[in-house]
Amino acid sequence: MVDIISRYKAGERDFRYADLRDAKLRYADLMGAKLRYADLSGADLDMSCLPLWCGSLNMRVDKRIAVQIAYHLCALDCDDPEYREVRSKCLKFANQMHRTDAPRLV
């Protein structure tokens, strides 16, 4: 398994197509990391920082990570009607969040 944290601390930011399955990325600050097409299935991303730019598009994730991202989307405070509609459609999925200390969203 590639040690992404050591590589990142050494200044590397290009992890496109990287096999990061089951990587221990808890608390990792991945700002600026190029994760496009990286496989993050099974990775521990709790308390980490995923980039929200095109460098993270097309990441392969498992359901656990998809639920975690959906949870954060549904936890936003946004009164736009279109957002509210999207939120209501994915709320059940988002509430499958694996963390027991995270409150269920209503």
N, C-alpha and C. Protein backbone atom coordinates (compact mmCIF):
# COMPACT_ATOMS: atom_id res chain seq x y z
N MET A 1 0.85 -1.19 0.00
CA MET A 1 0.00 0.00 0.00
C MET A 1 0.89 1.24 0.00
N VAL A 2 0.53 2.15 -0.81
CA VAL A 2 1.26 3.41 -0.93
C VAL A 2 1.02 4.24 0.32
N ASP A 3 2.07 4.83 0.86
CA ASP A 3 1.92 5.71 2.02
C ASP A 3 1.65 7.12 1.53
N ILE A 4 0.38 7.43 1.30
CA ILE A 4 -0.02 8.72 0.74
C ILE A 4 0.34 9.88 1.66
N ILE A 5 0.24 9.68 2.95
CA ILE A 5 0.53 10.77 3.89
C ILE A 5 2.00 11.18 3.77
N SER A 6 2.90 10.22 3.75
CA SER A 6 4.33 10.55 3.60
C SER A 6 4.60 11.23 2.28
N ARG A 7 3.98 10.72 1.22
CA ARG A 7 4.16 11.33 -0.10
C ARG A 7 3.61 12.75 -0.12
N TYR A 8 2.45 12.95 0.52
CA TYR A 8 1.84 14.28 0.55
C TYR A 8 2.71 15.25 1.36
N LYS A 9 3.19 14.80 2.51
CA LYS A 9 4.05 15.66 3.35
C LYS A 9 5.35 16.00 2.63
N ALA A 10 5.79 15.12 1.73
CA ALA A 10 7.00 15.38 0.95
C ALA A 10 6.74 16.31 -0.23
N GLY A 11 5.49 16.75 -0.38
CA GLY A 11 5.17 17.72 -1.41
C GLY A 11 4.47 17.16 -2.64
N GLU A 12 4.30 15.84 -2.69
CA GLU A 12 3.62 15.26 -3.84
C GLU A 12 2.12 15.55 -3.75
N ARG A 13 1.50 15.91 -4.87
CA ARG A 13 0.07 16.22 -4.89
C ARG A 13 -0.67 15.45 -5.98
N ASP A 14 0.05 14.73 -6.82
CA ASP A 14 -0.59 14.05 -7.95
C ASP A 14 -0.83 12.57 -7.62
N PHE A 15 -2.08 12.24 -7.30
CA PHE A 15 -2.47 10.88 -6.98
C PHE A 15 -3.51 10.37 -7.98
N ARG A 16 -3.51 10.95 -9.18
CA ARG A 16 -4.45 10.48 -10.20
C ARG A 16 -4.21 9.00 -10.48
N TYR A 17 -5.30 8.26 -10.56
CA TYR A 17 -5.29 6.81 -10.84
C TYR A 17 -4.63 6.00 -9.72
N ALA A 18 -4.35 6.61 -8.58
CA ALA A 18 -3.68 5.89 -7.49
C ALA A 18 -4.60 4.86 -6.87
N ASP A 19 -4.04 3.75 -6.46
CA ASP A 19 -4.77 2.72 -5.73
C ASP A 19 -4.68 3.06 -4.24
N LEU A 20 -5.71 3.70 -3.74
CA LEU A 20 -5.73 4.12 -2.34
C LEU A 20 -6.77 3.33 -1.55
N ARG A 21 -7.10 2.14 -2.06
CA ARG A 21 -8.07 1.30 -1.37
C ARG A 21 -7.58 1.01 0.05
N ASP A 22 -8.50 1.17 0.99
CA ASP A 22 -8.24 0.90 2.42
C ASP A 22 -7.15 1.78 3.01
N ALA A 23 -6.83 2.89 2.37
CA ALA A 23 -5.80 3.80 2.89
C ALA A 23 -6.28 4.45 4.19
N LYS A 24 -5.38 4.65 5.10
CA LYS A 24 -5.67 5.30 6.38
C LYS A 24 -5.44 6.81 6.20
N LEU A 25 -6.53 7.51 5.87
CA LEU A 25 -6.43 8.94 5.57
C LEU A 25 -7.13 9.79 6.61
N ARG A 26 -7.39 9.23 7.78
CA ARG A 26 -8.05 9.98 8.85
C ARG A 26 -7.21 11.22 9.17
N TYR A 27 -7.87 12.35 9.25
CA TYR A 27 -7.27 13.66 9.56
C TYR A 27 -6.36 14.19 8.44
N ALA A 28 -6.33 13.55 7.29
CA ALA A 28 -5.47 14.01 6.19
C ALA A 28 -6.03 15.28 5.57
N ASP A 29 -5.19 16.25 5.38
CA ASP A 29 -5.57 17.47 4.67
C ASP A 29 -5.19 17.27 3.21
N LEU A 30 -6.16 16.92 2.39
CA LEU A 30 -5.89 16.60 0.99
C LEU A 30 -6.12 17.78 0.06
N MET A 31 -6.15 18.99 0.63
CA MET A 31 -6.32 20.17 -0.22
C MET A 31 -5.21 20.21 -1.26
N GLY A 32 -5.60 20.42 -2.49
CA GLY A 32 -4.64 20.49 -3.57
C GLY A 32 -4.25 19.15 -4.15
N ALA A 33 -4.69 18.07 -3.53
CA ALA A 33 -4.35 16.74 -4.05
C ALA A 33 -5.14 16.45 -5.31
N LYS A 34 -4.48 15.89 -6.29
CA LYS A 34 -5.15 15.47 -7.52
C LYS A 34 -5.57 14.02 -7.33
N LEU A 35 -6.87 13.81 -7.15
CA LEU A 35 -7.40 12.48 -6.87
C LEU A 35 -8.26 11.94 -8.00
N ARG A 36 -8.24 12.61 -9.14
CA ARG A 36 -9.08 12.19 -10.25
C ARG A 36 -8.76 10.73 -10.61
N TYR A 37 -9.81 9.92 -10.67
CA TYR A 37 -9.74 8.49 -10.99
C TYR A 37 -9.02 7.66 -9.93
N ALA A 38 -8.68 8.24 -8.80
CA ALA A 38 -8.08 7.45 -7.71
C ALA A 38 -9.14 6.52 -7.14
N ASP A 39 -8.73 5.35 -6.69
CA ASP A 39 -9.65 4.40 -6.07
C ASP A 39 -9.53 4.53 -4.56
N LEU A 40 -10.55 5.11 -3.95
CA LEU A 40 -10.58 5.32 -2.50
C LEU A 40 -11.52 4.35 -1.79
N SER A 41 -11.89 3.28 -2.47
CA SER A 41 -12.79 2.29 -1.87
C SER A 41 -12.21 1.78 -0.55
N GLY A 42 -13.01 1.85 0.49
CA GLY A 42 -12.58 1.35 1.79
C GLY A 42 -11.65 2.27 2.55
N ALA A 43 -11.29 3.41 1.97
CA ALA A 43 -10.38 4.34 2.65
C ALA A 43 -11.06 4.98 3.86
N ASP A 44 -10.29 5.26 4.89
CA ASP A 44 -10.81 5.95 6.07
C ASP A 44 -10.58 7.44 5.86
N LEU A 45 -11.66 8.16 5.55
CA LEU A 45 -11.57 9.60 5.30
C LEU A 45 -12.14 10.43 6.44
N ASP A 46 -12.42 9.80 7.58
CA ASP A 46 -12.98 10.55 8.70
C ASP A 46 -12.05 11.68 9.10
N MET A 47 -12.65 12.83 9.32
CA MET A 47 -11.95 14.04 9.78
C MET A 47 -10.91 14.53 8.77
N SER A 48 -11.03 14.12 7.52
CA SER A 48 -10.07 14.56 6.52
C SER A 48 -10.67 15.69 5.70
N CYS A 49 -9.91 16.20 4.78
CA CYS A 49 -10.33 17.31 3.95
C CYS A 49 -10.20 16.90 2.49
N LEU A 50 -11.34 16.65 1.84
CA LEU A 50 -11.32 16.32 0.41
C LEU A 50 -11.35 17.59 -0.42
N PRO A 51 -10.63 17.61 -1.52
CA PRO A 51 -10.67 18.79 -2.39
C PRO A 51 -12.00 18.88 -3.14
N LEU A 52 -12.56 20.06 -3.21
CA LEU A 52 -13.80 20.28 -3.95
C LEU A 52 -13.50 21.07 -5.21
N TRP A 53 -12.64 20.55 -6.03
CA TRP A 53 -12.31 21.13 -7.32
C TRP A 53 -12.19 19.98 -8.29
N CYS A 54 -11.93 20.26 -9.54
CA CYS A 54 -11.95 19.21 -10.56
C CYS A 54 -10.91 18.12 -10.33
N GLY A 55 -9.95 18.35 -9.48
CA GLY A 55 -8.93 17.34 -9.19
C GLY A 55 -9.46 16.13 -8.46
N SER A 56 -10.68 16.23 -7.93
CA SER A 56 -11.25 15.08 -7.23
C SER A 56 -12.40 14.45 -8.01
N LEU A 57 -12.66 14.92 -9.22
CA LEU A 57 -13.73 14.33 -10.01
C LEU A 57 -13.37 12.90 -10.40
N ASN A 58 -14.38 12.07 -10.51
CA ASN A 58 -14.23 10.68 -10.94
C ASN A 58 -13.45 9.81 -9.97
N MET A 59 -13.39 10.20 -8.69
CA MET A 59 -12.78 9.31 -7.71
C MET A 59 -13.68 8.09 -7.58
N ARG A 60 -13.11 6.93 -7.40
CA ARG A 60 -13.88 5.73 -7.13
C ARG A 60 -14.00 5.62 -5.61
N VAL A 61 -15.23 5.54 -5.13
CA VAL A 61 -15.46 5.42 -3.69
C VAL A 61 -16.41 4.25 -3.44
N ASP A 62 -16.50 3.83 -2.20
CA ASP A 62 -17.46 2.81 -1.83
C ASP A 62 -18.69 3.49 -1.24
N LYS A 63 -19.68 2.70 -0.87
CA LYS A 63 -20.92 3.27 -0.35
C LYS A 63 -20.67 4.09 0.92
N ARG A 64 -19.79 3.64 1.78
CA ARG A 64 -19.51 4.33 3.04
C ARG A 64 -19.08 5.78 2.79
N ILE A 65 -18.18 5.97 1.84
CA ILE A 65 -17.70 7.31 1.53
C ILE A 65 -18.79 8.12 0.82
N ALA A 66 -19.53 7.48 -0.08
CA ALA A 66 -20.63 8.19 -0.77
C ALA A 66 -21.67 8.67 0.24
N VAL A 67 -21.99 7.84 1.21
CA VAL A 67 -22.95 8.23 2.26
C VAL A 67 -22.39 9.40 3.06
N GLN A 68 -21.11 9.35 3.39
CA GLN A 68 -20.48 10.42 4.16
C GLN A 68 -20.54 11.75 3.40
N ILE A 69 -20.28 11.71 2.11
CA ILE A 69 -20.34 12.93 1.31
C ILE A 69 -21.79 13.43 1.20
N ALA A 70 -22.73 12.50 1.02
CA ALA A 70 -24.15 12.87 0.96
C ALA A 70 -24.60 13.47 2.29
N TYR A 71 -24.11 12.93 3.39
CA TYR A 71 -24.45 13.46 4.72
C TYR A 71 -24.03 14.92 4.82
N HIS A 72 -22.83 15.21 4.38
CA HIS A 72 -22.35 16.59 4.44
C HIS A 72 -23.14 17.51 3.52
N LEU A 73 -23.52 17.01 2.36
CA LEU A 73 -24.38 17.78 1.46
C LEU A 73 -25.71 18.08 2.15
N CYS A 74 -26.31 17.08 2.76
CA CYS A 74 -27.62 17.26 3.40
C CYS A 74 -27.56 18.10 4.68
N ALA A 75 -26.37 18.26 5.24
CA ALA A 75 -26.22 19.05 6.46
C ALA A 75 -26.03 20.54 6.18
N LEU A 76 -25.95 20.92 4.91
CA LEU A 76 -25.80 22.34 4.57
C LEU A 76 -27.04 23.13 4.95
N ASP A 77 -26.84 24.38 5.28
CA ASP A 77 -27.95 25.30 5.57
C ASP A 77 -28.18 26.14 4.32
N CYS A 78 -29.12 25.69 3.49
CA CYS A 78 -29.40 26.36 2.22
C CYS A 78 -30.91 26.33 2.01
N ASP A 79 -31.50 27.49 1.78
CA ASP A 79 -32.95 27.55 1.64
C ASP A 79 -33.41 27.58 0.18
N ASP A 80 -32.51 27.36 -0.75
CA ASP A 80 -32.87 27.34 -2.16
C ASP A 80 -33.83 26.17 -2.42
N PRO A 81 -34.95 26.39 -3.08
CA PRO A 81 -35.94 25.33 -3.32
C PRO A 81 -35.37 24.12 -4.08
N GLU A 82 -34.49 24.37 -5.02
CA GLU A 82 -33.90 23.25 -5.77
C GLU A 82 -33.02 22.40 -4.86
N TYR A 83 -32.22 23.06 -4.00
CA TYR A 83 -31.41 22.32 -3.03
C TYR A 83 -32.30 21.52 -2.09
N ARG A 84 -33.36 22.14 -1.59
CA ARG A 84 -34.27 21.46 -0.65
C ARG A 84 -34.86 20.19 -1.28
N GLU A 85 -35.17 20.26 -2.57
CA GLU A 85 -35.71 19.09 -3.27
C GLU A 85 -34.67 17.98 -3.36
N VAL A 86 -33.45 18.33 -3.74
CA VAL A 86 -32.36 17.35 -3.82
C VAL A 86 -32.10 16.75 -2.45
N ARG A 87 -32.05 17.60 -1.43
CA ARG A 87 -31.80 17.14 -0.06
C ARG A 87 -32.84 16.13 0.38
N SER A 88 -34.10 16.42 0.11
CA SER A 88 -35.16 15.51 0.55
C SER A 88 -35.06 14.15 -0.14
N LYS A 89 -34.54 14.14 -1.35
CA LYS A 89 -34.42 12.88 -2.09
C LYS A 89 -33.23 12.03 -1.63
N CYS A 90 -32.21 12.65 -1.06
CA CYS A 90 -31.05 11.86 -0.65
C CYS A 90 -30.89 11.74 0.87
N LEU A 91 -31.84 12.27 1.63
CA LEU A 91 -31.74 12.27 3.09
C LEU A 91 -31.68 10.86 3.68
N LYS A 92 -32.50 9.95 3.20
CA LYS A 92 -32.51 8.57 3.71
C LYS A 92 -31.14 7.92 3.49
N PHE A 93 -30.57 8.13 2.31
CA PHE A 93 -29.24 7.61 2.00
C PHE A 93 -28.19 8.23 2.92
N ALA A 94 -28.25 9.56 3.08
CA ALA A 94 -27.27 10.28 3.90
C ALA A 94 -27.31 9.84 5.36
N ASN A 95 -28.49 9.49 5.85
CA ASN A 95 -28.62 9.10 7.26
C ASN A 95 -28.11 7.69 7.55
N GLN A 96 -27.53 7.05 6.56
CA GLN A 96 -26.85 5.77 6.79
C GLN A 96 -25.40 6.01 7.23
N MET A 97 -25.08 7.25 7.57
CA MET A 97 -23.74 7.64 8.02
C MET A 97 -23.21 6.65 9.04
N HIS A 98 -21.98 6.20 8.85
CA HIS A 98 -21.38 5.19 9.71
C HIS A 98 -21.02 5.71 11.10
N ARG A 99 -20.83 6.99 11.23
CA ARG A 99 -20.42 7.54 12.52
C ARG A 99 -21.62 7.61 13.46
N THR A 100 -21.51 6.98 14.59
CA THR A 100 -22.63 6.97 15.55
C THR A 100 -22.71 8.27 16.34
N ASP A 101 -21.65 9.07 16.33
CA ASP A 101 -21.69 10.35 17.05
C ASP A 101 -22.26 11.48 16.19
N ALA A 102 -22.58 11.18 14.93
CA ALA A 102 -23.18 12.18 14.04
C ALA A 102 -24.69 12.07 14.16
N PRO A 103 -25.37 13.18 14.46
CA PRO A 103 -26.82 13.11 14.60
C PRO A 103 -27.50 12.79 13.27
N ARG A 104 -28.59 12.07 13.34
CA ARG A 104 -29.35 11.79 12.13
C ARG A 104 -30.01 13.09 11.69
N LEU A 105 -30.06 13.32 10.39
CA LEU A 105 -30.62 14.56 9.84
C LEU A 105 -32.12 14.40 9.63
N VAL A 106 -32.83 15.51 9.81
CA VAL A 106 -34.28 15.50 9.58
C VAL A 106 -34.65 16.51 8.52
